[in-house]
Amino acid sequence: MEIEITEKKENILFDRTEVKFNCLYEGEATPKLLDVKSKLVALLDTKKELIVVDNIQPGYGEPKATGYAKVYGREASLLDVEKPSVIAKNKEPEAPAEEEDEAE
């Protein structure tokens, strides 16, 4: 999977950078939101907690998707602006707790 950033726009009012990107995934399924987020974190050199992938739209019949992400300057700005459902969608799933009960 390759990600190419097509547009970056500073939004000073919301303390964020808005990023539009293309995602190429030849011979693979449409990438998961969290996989795209990990790649964007590396490309944009930011923290995982400060980036929100808003959407990924796959192209019809081609291994290409377009997407939109927002990179916030501070975590407080992210919490003020984004809905709780969007924040939850962009969080890493918590690992299930190991059960201490062992069959004897």
PDB file of N, CA and C in Angstrom:
ATOM      1  N   MET A   1       0.846  -1.178   0.000  1.00  0.00           N
ATOM      2  CA  MET A   1       0.000   0.000   0.000  1.00  0.00           C
ATOM      3  C   MET A   1       0.892   1.242   0.000  1.00  0.00           C
ATOM      4  N   GLU A   2       0.606   2.130  -0.918  1.00  0.00           N
ATOM      5  CA  GLU A   2       1.331   3.398  -1.014  1.00  0.00           C
ATOM      6  C   GLU A   2       0.355   4.548  -0.809  1.00  0.00           C
ATOM      7  N   ILE A   3       0.829   5.590  -0.125  1.00  0.00           N
ATOM      8  CA  ILE A   3      -0.005   6.768   0.090  1.00  0.00           C
ATOM      9  C   ILE A   3       0.705   7.974  -0.494  1.00  0.00           C
ATOM     10  N   GLU A   4      -0.035   8.733  -1.291  1.00  0.00           N
ATOM     11  CA  GLU A   4       0.487   9.948  -1.918  1.00  0.00           C
ATOM     12  C   GLU A   4      -0.378  11.122  -1.457  1.00  0.00           C
ATOM     13  N   ILE A   5       0.251  12.106  -0.824  1.00  0.00           N
ATOM     14  CA  ILE A   5      -0.484  13.276  -0.347  1.00  0.00           C
ATOM     15  C   ILE A   5      -0.702  14.216  -1.525  1.00  0.00           C
ATOM     16  N   THR A   6      -1.966  14.556  -1.786  1.00  0.00           N
ATOM     17  CA  THR A   6      -2.290  15.400  -2.933  1.00  0.00           C
ATOM     18  C   THR A   6      -2.522  16.854  -2.547  1.00  0.00           C
ATOM     19  N   GLU A   7      -2.949  17.088  -1.303  1.00  0.00           N
ATOM     20  CA  GLU A   7      -3.232  18.467  -0.892  1.00  0.00           C
ATOM     21  C   GLU A   7      -3.087  18.603   0.618  1.00  0.00           C
ATOM     22  N   LYS A   8      -2.462  19.700   1.045  1.00  0.00           N
ATOM     23  CA  LYS A   8      -2.343  20.045   2.463  1.00  0.00           C
ATOM     24  C   LYS A   8      -2.857  21.458   2.638  1.00  0.00           C
ATOM     25  N   LYS A   9      -3.695  21.658   3.642  1.00  0.00           N
ATOM     26  CA  LYS A   9      -4.258  22.985   3.865  1.00  0.00           C
ATOM     27  C   LYS A   9      -4.266  23.278   5.360  1.00  0.00           C
ATOM     28  N   GLU A  10      -3.685  24.408   5.742  1.00  0.00           N
ATOM     29  CA  GLU A  10      -3.681  24.829   7.144  1.00  0.00           C
ATOM     30  C   GLU A  10      -5.033  25.433   7.491  1.00  0.00           C
ATOM     31  N   ASN A  11      -5.608  25.002   8.596  1.00  0.00           N
ATOM     32  CA  ASN A  11      -6.857  25.567   9.095  1.00  0.00           C
ATOM     33  C   ASN A  11      -6.566  26.111  10.494  1.00  0.00           C
ATOM     34  N   ILE A  12      -6.220  27.378  10.553  1.00  0.00           N
ATOM     35  CA  ILE A  12      -5.788  28.000  11.802  1.00  0.00           C
ATOM     36  C   ILE A  12      -6.931  28.073  12.811  1.00  0.00           C
ATOM     37  N   LEU A  13      -8.140  28.291  12.344  1.00  0.00           N
ATOM     38  CA  LEU A  13      -9.294  28.405  13.231  1.00  0.00           C
ATOM     39  C   LEU A  13      -9.474  27.156  14.104  1.00  0.00           C
ATOM     40  N   PHE A  14      -9.289  25.975  13.514  1.00  0.00           N
ATOM     41  CA  PHE A  14      -9.459  24.725  14.254  1.00  0.00           C
ATOM     42  C   PHE A  14      -8.135  24.125  14.713  1.00  0.00           C
ATOM     43  N   ASP A  15      -7.021  24.829  14.512  1.00  0.00           N
ATOM     44  CA  ASP A  15      -5.691  24.367  14.921  1.00  0.00           C
ATOM     45  C   ASP A  15      -5.393  22.986  14.324  1.00  0.00           C
ATOM     46  N   ARG A  16      -5.537  22.884  12.993  1.00  0.00           N
ATOM     47  CA  ARG A  16      -5.297  21.609  12.336  1.00  0.00           C
ATOM     48  C   ARG A  16      -4.817  21.813  10.905  1.00  0.00           C
ATOM     49  N   THR A  17      -4.252  20.754  10.350  1.00  0.00           N
ATOM     50  CA  THR A  17      -3.881  20.692   8.944  1.00  0.00           C
ATOM     51  C   THR A  17      -4.784  19.655   8.294  1.00  0.00           C
ATOM     52  N   GLU A  18      -5.428  20.032   7.208  1.00  0.00           N
ATOM     53  CA  GLU A  18      -6.321  19.121   6.496  1.00  0.00           C
ATOM     54  C   GLU A  18      -5.554  18.515   5.323  1.00  0.00           C
ATOM     55  N   VAL A  19      -5.589  17.204   5.219  1.00  0.00           N
ATOM     56  CA  VAL A  19      -4.782  16.483   4.240  1.00  0.00           C
ATOM     57  C   VAL A  19      -5.690  15.630   3.358  1.00  0.00           C
ATOM     58  N   LYS A  20      -5.529  15.767   2.047  1.00  0.00           N
ATOM     59  CA  LYS A  20      -6.201  14.882   1.092  1.00  0.00           C
ATOM     60  C   LYS A  20      -5.124  13.977   0.505  1.00  0.00           C
ATOM     61  N   PHE A  21      -5.466  12.709   0.308  1.00  0.00           N
ATOM     62  CA  PHE A  21      -4.458  11.756  -0.156  1.00  0.00           C
ATOM     63  C   PHE A  21      -5.069  10.710  -1.075  1.00  0.00           C
ATOM     64  N   ASN A  22      -4.183  10.091  -1.863  1.00  0.00           N
ATOM     65  CA  ASN A  22      -4.533   8.941  -2.691  1.00  0.00           C
ATOM     66  C   ASN A  22      -3.840   7.730  -2.101  1.00  0.00           C
ATOM     67  N   CYS A  23      -4.523   6.622  -2.111  1.00  0.00           N
ATOM     68  CA  CYS A  23      -3.985   5.379  -1.570  1.00  0.00           C
ATOM     69  C   CYS A  23      -4.017   4.329  -2.678  1.00  0.00           C
ATOM     70  N   LEU A  24      -2.862   3.793  -3.024  1.00  0.00           N
ATOM     71  CA  LEU A  24      -2.764   2.760  -4.057  1.00  0.00           C
ATOM     72  C   LEU A  24      -2.522   1.417  -3.382  1.00  0.00           C
ATOM     73  N   TYR A  25      -3.334   0.421  -3.721  1.00  0.00           N
ATOM     74  CA  TYR A  25      -3.219  -0.884  -3.064  1.00  0.00           C
ATOM     75  C   TYR A  25      -3.374  -2.008  -4.078  1.00  0.00           C
ATOM     76  N   GLU A  26      -2.428  -2.117  -4.973  1.00  0.00           N
ATOM     77  CA  GLU A  26      -2.443  -3.106  -6.051  1.00  0.00           C
ATOM     78  C   GLU A  26      -2.460  -4.527  -5.491  1.00  0.00           C
ATOM     79  N   GLY A  27      -3.467  -5.309  -5.871  1.00  0.00           N
ATOM     80  CA  GLY A  27      -3.539  -6.712  -5.479  1.00  0.00           C
ATOM     81  C   GLY A  27      -3.927  -6.950  -4.033  1.00  0.00           C
ATOM     82  N   GLU A  28      -4.423  -5.942  -3.336  1.00  0.00           N
ATOM     83  CA  GLU A  28      -4.818  -6.077  -1.934  1.00  0.00           C
ATOM     84  C   GLU A  28      -6.261  -5.611  -1.774  1.00  0.00           C
ATOM     85  N   ALA A  29      -6.820  -5.879  -0.607  1.00  0.00           N
ATOM     86  CA  ALA A  29      -8.151  -5.366  -0.288  1.00  0.00           C
ATOM     87  C   ALA A  29      -8.029  -3.883   0.061  1.00  0.00           C
ATOM     88  N   THR A  30      -9.148  -3.186   0.073  1.00  0.00           N
ATOM     89  CA  THR A  30      -9.142  -1.782   0.488  1.00  0.00           C
ATOM     90  C   THR A  30      -8.566  -1.705   1.891  1.00  0.00           C
ATOM     91  N   PRO A  31      -7.570  -0.856   2.110  1.00  0.00           N
ATOM     92  CA  PRO A  31      -6.908  -0.819   3.415  1.00  0.00           C
ATOM     93  C   PRO A  31      -7.842  -0.360   4.532  1.00  0.00           C
ATOM     94  N   LYS A  32      -7.591  -0.869   5.714  1.00  0.00           N
ATOM     95  CA  LYS A  32      -8.352  -0.485   6.897  1.00  0.00           C
ATOM     96  C   LYS A  32      -7.966   0.930   7.311  1.00  0.00           C
ATOM     97  N   LEU A  33      -8.884   1.605   7.969  1.00  0.00           N
ATOM     98  CA  LEU A  33      -8.676   2.977   8.415  1.00  0.00           C
ATOM     99  C   LEU A  33      -7.439   3.085   9.309  1.00  0.00           C
ATOM    100  N   LEU A  34      -7.251   2.135  10.220  1.00  0.00           N
ATOM    101  CA  LEU A  34      -6.113   2.198  11.141  1.00  0.00           C
ATOM    102  C   LEU A  34      -4.784   1.954  10.427  1.00  0.00           C
ATOM    103  N   ASP A  35      -4.784   1.149   9.352  1.00  0.00           N
ATOM    104  CA  ASP A  35      -3.561   0.947   8.571  1.00  0.00           C
ATOM    105  C   ASP A  35      -3.171   2.233   7.847  1.00  0.00           C
ATOM    106  N   VAL A  36      -4.157   2.904   7.279  1.00  0.00           N
ATOM    107  CA  VAL A  36      -3.906   4.180   6.600  1.00  0.00           C
ATOM    108  C   VAL A  36      -3.415   5.211   7.607  1.00  0.00           C
ATOM    109  N   LYS A  37      -4.015   5.218   8.784  1.00  0.00           N
ATOM    110  CA  LYS A  37      -3.613   6.161   9.826  1.00  0.00           C
ATOM    111  C   LYS A  37      -2.148   5.949  10.210  1.00  0.00           C
ATOM    112  N   SER A  38      -1.719   4.699  10.342  1.00  0.00           N
ATOM    113  CA  SER A  38      -0.324   4.401  10.684  1.00  0.00           C
ATOM    114  C   SER A  38       0.635   4.921   9.617  1.00  0.00           C
ATOM    115  N   LYS A  39       0.274   4.735   8.348  1.00  0.00           N
ATOM    116  CA  LYS A  39       1.118   5.235   7.251  1.00  0.00           C
ATOM    117  C   LYS A  39       1.174   6.759   7.252  1.00  0.00           C
ATOM    118  N   LEU A  40       0.037   7.406   7.489  1.00  0.00           N
ATOM    119  CA  LEU A  40       0.002   8.870   7.513  1.00  0.00           C
ATOM    120  C   LEU A  40       0.818   9.430   8.673  1.00  0.00           C
ATOM    121  N   VAL A  41       0.804   8.751   9.807  1.00  0.00           N
ATOM    122  CA  VAL A  41       1.602   9.189  10.954  1.00  0.00           C
ATOM    123  C   VAL A  41       3.075   9.216  10.562  1.00  0.00           C
ATOM    124  N   ALA A  42       3.535   8.189   9.855  1.00  0.00           N
ATOM    125  CA  ALA A  42       4.929   8.135   9.419  1.00  0.00           C
ATOM    126  C   ALA A  42       5.232   9.209   8.371  1.00  0.00           C
ATOM    127  N   LEU A  43       4.322   9.397   7.414  1.00  0.00           N
ATOM    128  CA  LEU A  43       4.544  10.386   6.354  1.00  0.00           C
ATOM    129  C   LEU A  43       4.536  11.822   6.877  1.00  0.00           C
ATOM    130  N   LEU A  44       3.626  12.114   7.793  1.00  0.00           N
ATOM    131  CA  LEU A  44       3.452  13.486   8.272  1.00  0.00           C
ATOM    132  C   LEU A  44       4.263  13.779   9.532  1.00  0.00           C
ATOM    133  N   ASP A  45       4.937  12.767  10.061  1.00  0.00           N
ATOM    134  CA  ASP A  45       5.789  12.920  11.244  1.00  0.00           C
ATOM    135  C   ASP A  45       5.019  13.564  12.399  1.00  0.00           C
ATOM    136  N   THR A  46       3.971  12.906  12.826  1.00  0.00           N
ATOM    137  CA  THR A  46       3.133  13.399  13.919  1.00  0.00           C
ATOM    138  C   THR A  46       2.793  12.250  14.857  1.00  0.00           C
ATOM    139  N   LYS A  47       2.090  12.563  15.930  1.00  0.00           N
ATOM    140  CA  LYS A  47       1.677  11.539  16.895  1.00  0.00           C
ATOM    141  C   LYS A  47       0.360  10.909  16.445  1.00  0.00           C
ATOM    142  N   LYS A  48       0.181   9.631  16.792  1.00  0.00           N
ATOM    143  CA  LYS A  48      -1.046   8.915  16.426  1.00  0.00           C
ATOM    144  C   LYS A  48      -2.284   9.531  17.055  1.00  0.00           C
ATOM    145  N   GLU A  49      -2.133  10.107  18.237  1.00  0.00           N
ATOM    146  CA  GLU A  49      -3.280  10.670  18.954  1.00  0.00           C
ATOM    147  C   GLU A  49      -3.793  11.952  18.309  1.00  0.00           C
ATOM    148  N   LEU A  50      -2.988  12.591  17.456  1.00  0.00           N
ATOM    149  CA  LEU A  50      -3.345  13.893  16.895  1.00  0.00           C
ATOM    150  C   LEU A  50      -3.918  13.817  15.483  1.00  0.00           C
ATOM    151  N   ILE A  51      -4.032  12.631  14.930  1.00  0.00           N
ATOM    152  CA  ILE A  51      -4.518  12.505  13.553  1.00  0.00           C
ATOM    153  C   ILE A  51      -5.858  11.761  13.530  1.00  0.00           C
ATOM    154  N   VAL A  52      -6.762  12.252  12.691  1.00  0.00           N
ATOM    155  CA  VAL A  52      -8.083  11.642  12.521  1.00  0.00           C
ATOM    156  C   VAL A  52      -8.294  11.416  11.027  1.00  0.00           C
ATOM    157  N   VAL A  53      -8.473  10.155  10.636  1.00  0.00           N
ATOM    158  CA  VAL A  53      -8.795   9.845   9.243  1.00  0.00           C
ATOM    159  C   VAL A  53     -10.311   9.937   9.122  1.00  0.00           C
ATOM    160  N   ASP A  54     -10.761  10.896   8.338  1.00  0.00           N
ATOM    161  CA  ASP A  54     -12.193  11.167   8.223  1.00  0.00           C
ATOM    162  C   ASP A  54     -12.880  10.160   7.303  1.00  0.00           C
ATOM    163  N   ASN A  55     -12.306   9.936   6.117  1.00  0.00           N
ATOM    164  CA  ASN A  55     -12.919   8.962   5.211  1.00  0.00           C
ATOM    165  C   ASN A  55     -11.909   8.421   4.217  1.00  0.00           C
ATOM    166  N   ILE A  56     -12.237   7.249   3.681  1.00  0.00           N
ATOM    167  CA  ILE A  56     -11.469   6.602   2.612  1.00  0.00           C
ATOM    168  C   ILE A  56     -12.498   6.121   1.597  1.00  0.00           C
ATOM    169  N   GLN A  57     -12.423   6.638   0.376  1.00  0.00           N
ATOM    170  CA  GLN A  57     -13.379   6.289  -0.677  1.00  0.00           C
ATOM    171  C   GLN A  57     -12.673   5.479  -1.762  1.00  0.00           C
ATOM    172  N   PRO A  58     -12.941   4.172  -1.850  1.00  0.00           N
ATOM    173  CA  PRO A  58     -12.309   3.379  -2.907  1.00  0.00           C
ATOM    174  C   PRO A  58     -12.869   3.736  -4.279  1.00  0.00           C
ATOM    175  N   GLY A  59     -11.995   3.684  -5.278  1.00  0.00           N
ATOM    176  CA  GLY A  59     -12.422   3.930  -6.651  1.00  0.00           C
ATOM    177  C   GLY A  59     -13.095   2.691  -7.216  1.00  0.00           C
ATOM    178  N   TYR A  60     -14.062   2.879  -8.079  1.00  0.00           N
ATOM    179  CA  TYR A  60     -14.803   1.761  -8.650  1.00  0.00           C
ATOM    180  C   TYR A  60     -13.941   1.027  -9.676  1.00  0.00           C
ATOM    181  N   GLY A  61     -13.691  -0.250  -9.435  1.00  0.00           N
ATOM    182  CA  GLY A  61     -12.977  -1.090 -10.380  1.00  0.00           C
ATOM    183  C   GLY A  61     -11.490  -0.828 -10.490  1.00  0.00           C
ATOM    184  N   GLU A  62     -10.918  -0.100  -9.569  1.00  0.00           N
ATOM    185  CA  GLU A  62      -9.479   0.149  -9.614  1.00  0.00           C
ATOM    186  C   GLU A  62      -8.899   0.092  -8.205  1.00  0.00           C
ATOM    187  N   PRO A  63      -7.634  -0.292  -8.091  1.00  0.00           N
ATOM    188  CA  PRO A  63      -7.014  -0.412  -6.765  1.00  0.00           C
ATOM    189  C   PRO A  63      -6.518   0.942  -6.246  1.00  0.00           C
ATOM    190  N   LYS A  64      -7.417   1.880  -6.130  1.00  0.00           N
ATOM    191  CA  LYS A  64      -7.055   3.230  -5.718  1.00  0.00           C
ATOM    192  C   LYS A  64      -8.187   3.796  -4.869  1.00  0.00           C
ATOM    193  N   ALA A  65      -7.817   4.515  -3.825  1.00  0.00           N
ATOM    194  CA  ALA A  65      -8.819   5.162  -2.977  1.00  0.00           C
ATOM    195  C   ALA A  65      -8.359   6.585  -2.696  1.00  0.00           C
ATOM    196  N   THR A  66      -9.314   7.472  -2.485  1.00  0.00           N
ATOM    197  CA  THR A  66      -8.997   8.833  -2.063  1.00  0.00           C
ATOM    198  C   THR A  66      -9.461   8.977  -0.621  1.00  0.00           C
ATOM    199  N   GLY A  67      -8.777   9.826   0.109  1.00  0.00           N
ATOM    200  CA  GLY A  67      -9.130   9.983   1.515  1.00  0.00           C
ATOM    201  C   GLY A  67      -8.891  11.384   2.016  1.00  0.00           C
ATOM    202  N   TYR A  68      -9.383  11.616   3.225  1.00  0.00           N
ATOM    203  CA  TYR A  68      -9.297  12.918   3.871  1.00  0.00           C
ATOM    204  C   TYR A  68      -8.959  12.692   5.340  1.00  0.00           C
ATOM    205  N   ALA A  69      -7.925  13.385   5.816  1.00  0.00           N
ATOM    206  CA  ALA A  69      -7.507  13.258   7.210  1.00  0.00           C
ATOM    207  C   ALA A  69      -7.253  14.639   7.794  1.00  0.00           C
ATOM    208  N   LYS A  70      -7.323  14.720   9.121  1.00  0.00           N
ATOM    209  CA  LYS A  70      -7.082  15.979   9.820  1.00  0.00           C
ATOM    210  C   LYS A  70      -5.998  15.752  10.868  1.00  0.00           C
ATOM    211  N   VAL A  71      -4.981  16.616  10.856  1.00  0.00           N
ATOM    212  CA  VAL A  71      -3.887  16.529  11.817  1.00  0.00           C
ATOM    213  C   VAL A  71      -3.983  17.733  12.738  1.00  0.00           C
ATOM    214  N   TYR A  72      -4.238  17.482  14.003  1.00  0.00           N
ATOM    215  CA  TYR A  72      -4.419  18.560  14.974  1.00  0.00           C
ATOM    216  C   TYR A  72      -3.095  18.942  15.618  1.00  0.00           C
ATOM    217  N   GLY A  73      -2.999  20.200  16.030  1.00  0.00           N
ATOM    218  CA  GLY A  73      -1.800  20.694  16.700  1.00  0.00           C
ATOM    219  C   GLY A  73      -1.732  20.271  18.156  1.00  0.00           C
ATOM    220  N   ARG A  74      -2.890  20.169  18.802  1.00  0.00           N
ATOM    221  CA  ARG A  74      -2.966  19.786  20.215  1.00  0.00           C
ATOM    222  C   ARG A  74      -4.116  18.801  20.405  1.00  0.00           C
ATOM    223  N   GLU A  75      -3.987  17.950  21.399  1.00  0.00           N
ATOM    224  CA  GLU A  75      -5.048  16.978  21.674  1.00  0.00           C
ATOM    225  C   GLU A  75      -6.316  17.672  22.166  1.00  0.00           C
ATOM    226  N   ALA A  76      -6.157  18.792  22.869  1.00  0.00           N
ATOM    227  CA  ALA A  76      -7.322  19.541  23.356  1.00  0.00           C
ATOM    228  C   ALA A  76      -8.161  20.049  22.182  1.00  0.00           C
ATOM    229  N   SER A  77      -7.510  20.488  21.111  1.00  0.00           N
ATOM    230  CA  SER A  77      -8.232  20.954  19.918  1.00  0.00           C
ATOM    231  C   SER A  77      -9.024  19.815  19.290  1.00  0.00           C
ATOM    232  N   LEU A  78      -8.412  18.652  19.224  1.00  0.00           N
ATOM    233  CA  LEU A  78      -9.076  17.482  18.654  1.00  0.00           C
ATOM    234  C   LEU A  78     -10.321  17.134  19.464  1.00  0.00           C
ATOM    235  N   LEU A  79     -10.210  17.125  20.782  1.00  0.00           N
ATOM    236  CA  LEU A  79     -11.343  16.770  21.638  1.00  0.00           C
ATOM    237  C   LEU A  79     -12.455  17.808  21.574  1.00  0.00           C
ATOM    238  N   ASP A  80     -12.102  19.081  21.363  1.00  0.00           N
ATOM    239  CA  ASP A  80     -13.106  20.140  21.262  1.00  0.00           C
ATOM    240  C   ASP A  80     -13.904  20.064  19.963  1.00  0.00           C
ATOM    241  N   VAL A  81     -13.252  19.693  18.876  1.00  0.00           N
ATOM    242  CA  VAL A  81     -13.861  19.770  17.546  1.00  0.00           C
ATOM    243  C   VAL A  81     -14.541  18.467  17.119  1.00  0.00           C
ATOM    244  N   GLU A  82     -13.875  17.349  17.311  1.00  0.00           N
ATOM    245  CA  GLU A  82     -14.372  16.072  16.781  1.00  0.00           C
ATOM    246  C   GLU A  82     -15.445  15.453  17.672  1.00  0.00           C
ATOM    247  N   LYS A  83     -16.369  14.746  17.033  1.00  0.00           N
ATOM    248  CA  LYS A  83     -17.421  14.029  17.751  1.00  0.00           C
ATOM    249  C   LYS A  83     -16.823  12.790  18.425  1.00  0.00           C
ATOM    250  N   PRO A  84     -17.400  12.368  19.540  1.00  0.00           N
ATOM    251  CA  PRO A  84     -16.893  11.158  20.211  1.00  0.00           C
ATOM    252  C   PRO A  84     -16.909   9.920  19.312  1.00  0.00           C
ATOM    253  N   SER A  85     -17.879   9.811  18.417  1.00  0.00           N
ATOM    254  CA  SER A  85     -17.945   8.644  17.531  1.00  0.00           C
ATOM    255  C   SER A  85     -16.772   8.614  16.553  1.00  0.00           C
ATOM    256  N   VAL A  86     -16.348   9.780  16.084  1.00  0.00           N
ATOM    257  CA  VAL A  86     -15.212   9.858  15.160  1.00  0.00           C
ATOM    258  C   VAL A  86     -13.920   9.520  15.899  1.00  0.00           C
ATOM    259  N   ILE A  87     -13.796  10.004  17.118  1.00  0.00           N
ATOM    260  CA  ILE A  87     -12.606   9.709  17.923  1.00  0.00           C
ATOM    261  C   ILE A  87     -12.535   8.212  18.206  1.00  0.00           C
ATOM    262  N   ALA A  88     -13.674   7.603  18.537  1.00  0.00           N
ATOM    263  CA  ALA A  88     -13.706   6.164  18.820  1.00  0.00           C
ATOM    264  C   ALA A  88     -13.345   5.346  17.581  1.00  0.00           C
ATOM    265  N   LYS A  89     -13.789   5.787  16.413  1.00  0.00           N
ATOM    266  CA  LYS A  89     -13.505   5.080  15.159  1.00  0.00           C
ATOM    267  C   LYS A  89     -12.007   5.081  14.854  1.00  0.00           C
ATOM    268  N   ASN A  90     -11.291   6.112  15.307  1.00  0.00           N
ATOM    269  CA  ASN A  90      -9.870   6.257  15.005  1.00  0.00           C
ATOM    270  C   ASN A  90      -8.956   5.722  16.103  1.00  0.00           C
ATOM    271  N   LYS A  91      -9.523   5.132  17.156  1.00  0.00           N
ATOM    272  CA  LYS A  91      -8.705   4.574  18.236  1.00  0.00           C
ATOM    273  C   LYS A  91      -8.304   3.150  17.909  1.00  0.00           C
ATOM    274  N   GLU A  92      -7.133   2.753  18.424  1.00  0.00           N
ATOM    275  CA  GLU A  92      -6.696   1.368  18.303  1.00  0.00           C
ATOM    276  C   GLU A  92      -7.624   0.501  19.146  1.00  0.00           C
ATOM    277  N   PRO A  93      -8.001  -0.671  18.657  1.00  0.00           N
ATOM    278  CA  PRO A  93      -8.835  -1.547  19.490  1.00  0.00           C
ATOM    279  C   PRO A  93      -8.026  -2.039  20.684  1.00  0.00           C
ATOM    280  N   GLU A  94      -8.692  -2.081  21.823  1.00  0.00           N
ATOM    281  CA  GLU A  94      -8.003  -2.538  23.024  1.00  0.00           C
ATOM    282  C   GLU A  94      -7.871  -4.054  22.982  1.00  0.00           C
ATOM    283  N   ALA A  95      -6.697  -4.537  23.404  1.00  0.00           N
ATOM    284  CA  ALA A  95      -6.467  -5.977  23.426  1.00  0.00           C
ATOM    285  C   ALA A  95      -7.336  -6.595  24.511  1.00  0.00           C
ATOM    286  N   PRO A  96      -7.930  -7.745  24.244  1.00  0.00           N
ATOM    287  CA  PRO A  96      -8.751  -8.378  25.280  1.00  0.00           C
ATOM    288  C   PRO A  96      -7.889  -8.750  26.481  1.00  0.00           C
ATOM    289  N   ALA A  97      -8.444  -8.563  27.655  1.00  0.00           N
ATOM    290  CA  ALA A  97      -7.705  -8.860  28.881  1.00  0.00           C
ATOM    291  C   ALA A  97      -7.433 -10.359  28.964  1.00  0.00           C
ATOM    292  N   GLU A  98      -6.221 -10.675  29.385  1.00  0.00           N
ATOM    293  CA  GLU A  98      -5.855 -12.081  29.550  1.00  0.00           C
ATOM    294  C   GLU A  98      -6.628 -12.646  30.734  1.00  0.00           C
ATOM    295  N   GLU A  99      -7.194 -13.788  30.541  1.00  0.00           N
ATOM    296  CA  GLU A  99      -7.941 -14.406  31.629  1.00  0.00           C
ATOM    297  C   GLU A  99      -6.969 -15.090  32.575  1.00  0.00           C
ATOM    298  N   GLU A 100      -7.145 -14.824  33.839  1.00  0.00           N
ATOM    299  CA  GLU A 100      -6.280 -15.408  34.855  1.00  0.00           C
ATOM    300  C   GLU A 100      -6.719 -16.824  35.208  1.00  0.00           C
ATOM    301  N   ASP A 101      -7.954 -17.157  34.873  1.00  0.00           N
ATOM    302  CA  ASP A 101      -8.469 -18.494  35.195  1.00  0.00           C
ATOM    303  C   ASP A 101      -7.843 -19.512  34.252  1.00  0.00           C
ATOM    304  N   GLU A 102      -7.206 -20.486  34.842  1.00  0.00           N
ATOM    305  CA  GLU A 102      -6.626 -21.548  34.030  1.00  0.00           C
ATOM    306  C   GLU A 102      -7.308 -22.853  34.402  1.00  0.00           C
ATOM    307  N   ALA A 103      -7.637 -23.628  33.414  1.00  0.00           N
ATOM    308  CA  ALA A 103      -8.275 -24.920  33.679  1.00  0.00           C
ATOM    309  C   ALA A 103      -7.263 -25.845  34.325  1.00  0.00           C
ATOM    310  N   GLU A 104      -7.658 -26.427  35.429  1.00  0.00           N
ATOM    311  CA  GLU A 104      -6.737 -27.324  36.134  1.00  0.00           C
ATOM    312  C   GLU A 104      -7.210 -28.739  36.080  1.00  0.00           C
TER     313      GLU A 104
END
